Amino acid sequence: MLGNLGSWWKEFASGRGMQLAVNARPVKETQLQVCTELTALDDVLRWFDQFNTAPLSCKEWWECETALAEAFTNAVRHAHCELPQTTTIELEVIVFAHCVEMRIWDRGGPFDLEAYIEESLKKPLDPWEIGRKGLRIMKELTDELYYRRTPDGRNCLLMRKIITGE
């Protein structure tokens, strides 16, 4: 399912100065595949419960869970809004001693995450506005946020959170 990360991700990461955890051994690693339905968020959150343990602090786990929930609902509501509910969304979480990497693959059209975030950060945050806060939340709760089109026509969102134990 997720074995096609391949060299494209390594090239993308090195071009951005990202530190890949290539030589680090994962503490835990798992994948999940769900359909494009908001009700699948329950399955995603139950699946993510397994990471509520060391090396993540309770606060770090909550921040990752919140970012993951936002990312998943964005994939359903935006990337897959015109796709059948049977279209799959793939998730992967890898916990290392020093960080957590969360990836979500969607099959929506191309999207310029950096431009969208840059533009949205120019506008003042309206706490009463419904919607339009998910990417801002993800950016605030994670240390790195990247969105990349894959050679097979999917999009991959990578969120990385550094583990500090606080």
C-alpha atoms as a PDB file:
ATOM      1  CA  MET A   1       0.000   0.000   0.000  1.00  0.00           C
ATOM      2  CA  LEU A   2       2.604   2.577   1.036  1.00  0.00           C
ATOM      3  CA  GLY A   3       5.719   1.083  -0.446  1.00  0.00           C
ATOM      4  CA  ASN A   4       5.924   3.589  -3.286  1.00  0.00           C
ATOM      5  CA  LEU A   5       7.422   6.434  -1.242  1.00  0.00           C
ATOM      6  CA  GLY A   6      10.567   5.780  -3.208  1.00  0.00           C
ATOM      7  CA  SER A   7      13.172   8.271  -4.181  1.00  0.00           C
ATOM      8  CA  TRP A   8      10.746  11.097  -5.020  1.00  0.00           C
ATOM      9  CA  TRP A   9      10.145  11.754  -1.313  1.00  0.00           C
ATOM     10  CA  LYS A  10      13.836  11.614  -0.490  1.00  0.00           C
ATOM     11  CA  GLU A  11      14.584  14.095  -3.304  1.00  0.00           C
ATOM     12  CA  PHE A  12      11.793  16.379  -2.165  1.00  0.00           C
ATOM     13  CA  ALA A  13      12.916  16.222   1.459  1.00  0.00           C
ATOM     14  CA  SER A  14      16.573  16.834   0.737  1.00  0.00           C
ATOM     15  CA  GLY A  15      15.676  19.796  -1.479  1.00  0.00           C
ATOM     16  CA  ARG A  16      13.851  21.342   1.457  1.00  0.00           C
ATOM     17  CA  GLY A  17      16.550  20.621   4.018  1.00  0.00           C
ATOM     18  CA  MET A  18      14.306  18.122   5.813  1.00  0.00           C
ATOM     19  CA  GLN A  19      16.003  15.659   8.068  1.00  0.00           C
ATOM     20  CA  LEU A  20      14.789  12.217   7.132  1.00  0.00           C
ATOM     21  CA  ALA A  21      14.809   9.635   9.860  1.00  0.00           C
ATOM     22  CA  VAL A  22      16.428   7.179   7.450  1.00  0.00           C
ATOM     23  CA  ASN A  23      18.938   5.667   9.858  1.00  0.00           C
ATOM     24  CA  ALA A  24      16.682   5.828  12.894  1.00  0.00           C
ATOM     25  CA  ARG A  25      14.808   2.717  13.910  1.00  0.00           C
ATOM     26  CA  PRO A  26      11.082   3.223  14.350  1.00  0.00           C
ATOM     27  CA  VAL A  27       9.697   2.630  17.821  1.00  0.00           C
ATOM     28  CA  LYS A  28       6.331   1.894  16.220  1.00  0.00           C
ATOM     29  CA  GLU A  29       4.992   1.990  12.680  1.00  0.00           C
ATOM     30  CA  THR A  30       1.554   1.226  11.304  1.00  0.00           C
ATOM     31  CA  GLN A  31      -0.758   1.975   8.395  1.00  0.00           C
ATOM     32  CA  LEU A  32      -4.503   2.302   7.941  1.00  0.00           C
ATOM     33  CA  GLN A  33      -6.702   2.519   4.879  1.00  0.00           C
ATOM     34  CA  VAL A  34     -10.238   3.946   5.134  1.00  0.00           C
ATOM     35  CA  CYS A  35     -12.986   5.076   2.785  1.00  0.00           C
ATOM     36  CA  THR A  36     -13.812   8.707   2.073  1.00  0.00           C
ATOM     37  CA  GLU A  37     -16.428   9.193   4.773  1.00  0.00           C
ATOM     38  CA  LEU A  38     -16.378  11.550   7.732  1.00  0.00           C
ATOM     39  CA  THR A  39     -17.682   8.684   9.871  1.00  0.00           C
ATOM     40  CA  ALA A  40     -14.339   6.930   9.251  1.00  0.00           C
ATOM     41  CA  LEU A  41     -12.780   9.551  11.544  1.00  0.00           C
ATOM     42  CA  ASP A  42     -13.900   7.338  14.452  1.00  0.00           C
ATOM     43  CA  ASP A  43     -11.809   4.484  13.014  1.00  0.00           C
ATOM     44  CA  VAL A  44      -8.850   6.815  12.466  1.00  0.00           C
ATOM     45  CA  LEU A  45      -8.964   8.087  16.050  1.00  0.00           C
ATOM     46  CA  ARG A  46      -9.343   4.573  17.518  1.00  0.00           C
ATOM     47  CA  TRP A  47      -6.365   3.457  15.404  1.00  0.00           C
ATOM     48  CA  PHE A  48      -4.319   6.442  16.593  1.00  0.00           C
ATOM     49  CA  ASP A  49      -5.050   5.629  20.278  1.00  0.00           C
ATOM     50  CA  GLN A  50      -2.255   3.044  20.149  1.00  0.00           C
ATOM     51  CA  PHE A  51       0.270   5.915  20.086  1.00  0.00           C
ATOM     52  CA  ASN A  52      -0.873   7.376  23.411  1.00  0.00           C
ATOM     53  CA  THR A  53       2.237   6.071  25.129  1.00  0.00           C
ATOM     54  CA  ALA A  54       5.946   6.775  25.521  1.00  0.00           C
ATOM     55  CA  PRO A  55       7.949   8.283  23.936  1.00  0.00           C
ATOM     56  CA  LEU A  56       5.100  10.786  23.328  1.00  0.00           C
ATOM     57  CA  SER A  57       3.907  12.875  26.231  1.00  0.00           C
ATOM     58  CA  CYS A  58       0.156  13.215  26.668  1.00  0.00           C
ATOM     59  CA  LYS A  59       0.322  16.759  25.251  1.00  0.00           C
ATOM     60  CA  GLU A  60       2.351  15.675  22.204  1.00  0.00           C
ATOM     61  CA  TRP A  61      -0.048  12.794  21.549  1.00  0.00           C
ATOM     62  CA  TRP A  62      -3.050  15.153  21.768  1.00  0.00           C
ATOM     63  CA  GLU A  63      -1.407  17.626  19.377  1.00  0.00           C
ATOM     64  CA  CYS A  64      -0.658  14.838  16.888  1.00  0.00           C
ATOM     65  CA  GLU A  65      -4.162  13.400  17.218  1.00  0.00           C
ATOM     66  CA  THR A  66      -5.715  16.815  16.618  1.00  0.00           C
ATOM     67  CA  ALA A  67      -3.518  17.483  13.571  1.00  0.00           C
ATOM     68  CA  LEU A  68      -4.286  14.016  12.183  1.00  0.00           C
ATOM     69  CA  ALA A  69      -8.044  14.525  12.642  1.00  0.00           C
ATOM     70  CA  GLU A  70      -7.853  17.886  10.882  1.00  0.00           C
ATOM     71  CA  ALA A  71      -5.815  16.395   8.037  1.00  0.00           C
ATOM     72  CA  PHE A  72      -8.195  13.475   7.587  1.00  0.00           C
ATOM     73  CA  THR A  73     -11.318  15.634   7.561  1.00  0.00           C
ATOM     74  CA  ASN A  74      -9.655  18.008   5.067  1.00  0.00           C
ATOM     75  CA  ALA A  75      -8.938  15.062   2.769  1.00  0.00           C
ATOM     76  CA  VAL A  76     -12.583  13.968   2.940  1.00  0.00           C
ATOM     77  CA  ARG A  77     -14.149  17.438   2.668  1.00  0.00           C
ATOM     78  CA  HIS A  78     -11.799  19.031   0.146  1.00  0.00           C
ATOM     79  CA  ALA A  79      -9.479  16.637  -1.705  1.00  0.00           C
ATOM     80  CA  HIS A  80     -12.136  13.953  -2.132  1.00  0.00           C
ATOM     81  CA  CYS A  81     -15.252  16.153  -2.238  1.00  0.00           C
ATOM     82  CA  GLU A  82     -16.126  15.055  -5.774  1.00  0.00           C
ATOM     83  CA  LEU A  83     -14.852  11.481  -5.544  1.00  0.00           C
ATOM     84  CA  PRO A  84     -16.874   8.385  -4.630  1.00  0.00           C
ATOM     85  CA  GLN A  85     -16.997   7.449  -0.942  1.00  0.00           C
ATOM     86  CA  THR A  86     -15.307   4.178  -1.872  1.00  0.00           C
ATOM     87  CA  THR A  87     -12.136   6.140  -2.743  1.00  0.00           C
ATOM     88  CA  THR A  88      -9.531   5.252  -0.144  1.00  0.00           C
ATOM     89  CA  ILE A  89      -7.464   7.502   2.071  1.00  0.00           C
ATOM     90  CA  GLU A  90      -4.251   5.937   3.339  1.00  0.00           C
ATOM     91  CA  LEU A  91      -2.619   6.881   6.617  1.00  0.00           C
ATOM     92  CA  GLU A  92       0.739   5.991   8.094  1.00  0.00           C
ATOM     93  CA  VAL A  93       2.235   6.871  11.467  1.00  0.00           C
ATOM     94  CA  ILE A  94       5.862   6.209  12.334  1.00  0.00           C
ATOM     95  CA  VAL A  95       7.137   6.974  15.814  1.00  0.00           C
ATOM     96  CA  PHE A  96      10.871   7.413  16.283  1.00  0.00           C
ATOM     97  CA  ALA A  97      12.630   8.206  19.548  1.00  0.00           C
ATOM     98  CA  HIS A  98      12.953  11.853  18.475  1.00  0.00           C
ATOM     99  CA  CYS A  99       9.854  12.508  16.328  1.00  0.00           C
ATOM    100  CA  VAL A 100       6.516  11.322  15.001  1.00  0.00           C
ATOM    101  CA  GLU A 101       5.818  11.276  11.277  1.00  0.00           C
ATOM    102  CA  MET A 102       2.220  11.175  10.085  1.00  0.00           C
ATOM    103  CA  ARG A 103       1.427  10.781   6.405  1.00  0.00           C
ATOM    104  CA  ILE A 104      -1.919  10.911   4.644  1.00  0.00           C
ATOM    105  CA  TRP A 105      -2.336  10.033   0.978  1.00  0.00           C
ATOM    106  CA  ASP A 106      -5.354  11.350  -0.903  1.00  0.00           C
ATOM    107  CA  ARG A 107      -6.442  11.108  -4.531  1.00  0.00           C
ATOM    108  CA  GLY A 108      -7.627  14.687  -5.012  1.00  0.00           C
ATOM    109  CA  GLY A 109      -6.278  17.223  -7.449  1.00  0.00           C
ATOM    110  CA  PRO A 110      -2.989  19.081  -6.975  1.00  0.00           C
ATOM    111  CA  PHE A 111      -2.955  21.661  -4.185  1.00  0.00           C
ATOM    112  CA  ASP A 112      -0.356  24.288  -3.277  1.00  0.00           C
ATOM    113  CA  LEU A 113      -0.270  23.967   0.513  1.00  0.00           C
ATOM    114  CA  GLU A 114       2.475  26.534   1.079  1.00  0.00           C
ATOM    115  CA  ALA A 115       0.733  29.235  -0.956  1.00  0.00           C
ATOM    116  CA  TYR A 116      -2.571  28.561   0.790  1.00  0.00           C
ATOM    117  CA  ILE A 117      -1.022  28.732   4.260  1.00  0.00           C
ATOM    118  CA  GLU A 118       0.957  31.859   3.388  1.00  0.00           C
ATOM    119  CA  GLU A 119      -2.200  33.570   2.132  1.00  0.00           C
ATOM    120  CA  SER A 120      -4.329  32.454   5.081  1.00  0.00           C
ATOM    121  CA  LEU A 121      -1.751  33.618   7.625  1.00  0.00           C
ATOM    122  CA  LYS A 122      -1.991  37.144   6.160  1.00  0.00           C
ATOM    123  CA  LYS A 123      -5.630  37.316   7.237  1.00  0.00           C
ATOM    124  CA  PRO A 124      -6.565  37.811  10.879  1.00  0.00           C
ATOM    125  CA  LEU A 125      -8.033  34.728  12.507  1.00  0.00           C
ATOM    126  CA  ASP A 126     -11.770  35.051  13.035  1.00  0.00           C
ATOM    127  CA  PRO A 127     -12.647  32.670  15.882  1.00  0.00           C
ATOM    128  CA  TRP A 128     -16.335  32.793  14.895  1.00  0.00           C
ATOM    129  CA  GLU A 129     -15.810  31.850  11.257  1.00  0.00           C
ATOM    130  CA  ILE A 130     -16.830  28.287  10.524  1.00  0.00           C
ATOM    131  CA  GLY A 131     -14.116  26.372   8.712  1.00  0.00           C
ATOM    132  CA  ARG A 132     -10.856  27.575   7.175  1.00  0.00           C
ATOM    133  CA  LYS A 133      -8.804  26.835  10.299  1.00  0.00           C
ATOM    134  CA  GLY A 134      -7.647  23.243   9.733  1.00  0.00           C
ATOM    135  CA  LEU A 135      -4.380  23.947   7.941  1.00  0.00           C
ATOM    136  CA  ARG A 136      -3.534  26.698  10.409  1.00  0.00           C
ATOM    137  CA  ILE A 137      -4.172  24.263  13.278  1.00  0.00           C
ATOM    138  CA  MET A 138      -2.002  21.585  11.638  1.00  0.00           C
ATOM    139  CA  LYS A 139       0.808  24.091  11.114  1.00  0.00           C
ATOM    140  CA  GLU A 140       0.626  25.258  14.738  1.00  0.00           C
ATOM    141  CA  LEU A 141       0.528  21.753  16.240  1.00  0.00           C
ATOM    142  CA  THR A 142       3.315  20.192  14.167  1.00  0.00           C
ATOM    143  CA  ASP A 143       6.929  21.163  13.555  1.00  0.00           C
ATOM    144  CA  GLU A 144       6.931  20.399   9.823  1.00  0.00           C
ATOM    145  CA  LEU A 145       4.079  20.284   7.330  1.00  0.00           C
ATOM    146  CA  TYR A 146       4.550  19.339   3.671  1.00  0.00           C
ATOM    147  CA  TYR A 147       2.196  18.395   0.860  1.00  0.00           C
ATOM    148  CA  ARG A 148       3.585  16.712  -2.221  1.00  0.00           C
ATOM    149  CA  ARG A 149       2.097  15.262  -5.406  1.00  0.00           C
ATOM    150  CA  THR A 150       3.329  11.703  -5.947  1.00  0.00           C
ATOM    151  CA  PRO A 151       4.279  10.199  -9.310  1.00  0.00           C
ATOM    152  CA  ASP A 152       1.185   7.955  -9.169  1.00  0.00           C
ATOM    153  CA  GLY A 153      -1.129  10.993  -9.059  1.00  0.00           C
ATOM    154  CA  ARG A 154      -1.860  11.018  -5.339  1.00  0.00           C
ATOM    155  CA  ASN A 155      -1.021  13.694  -2.794  1.00  0.00           C
ATOM    156  CA  CYS A 156       0.940  12.999   0.363  1.00  0.00           C
ATOM    157  CA  LEU A 157       0.664  15.225   3.421  1.00  0.00           C
ATOM    158  CA  LEU A 158       3.555  14.788   5.839  1.00  0.00           C
ATOM    159  CA  MET A 159       3.278  16.154   9.352  1.00  0.00           C
ATOM    160  CA  ARG A 160       6.272  15.811  11.640  1.00  0.00           C
ATOM    161  CA  LYS A 161       6.263  16.499  15.369  1.00  0.00           C
ATOM    162  CA  ILE A 162       9.500  16.592  17.350  1.00  0.00           C
ATOM    163  CA  ILE A 163       9.247  14.644  20.611  1.00  0.00           C
ATOM    164  CA  THR A 164      10.445  16.650  23.585  1.00  0.00           C
ATOM    165  CA  GLY A 165       8.623  14.767  26.346  1.00  0.00           C
ATOM    166  CA  GLU A 166       6.865  17.953  27.496  1.00  0.00           C
END
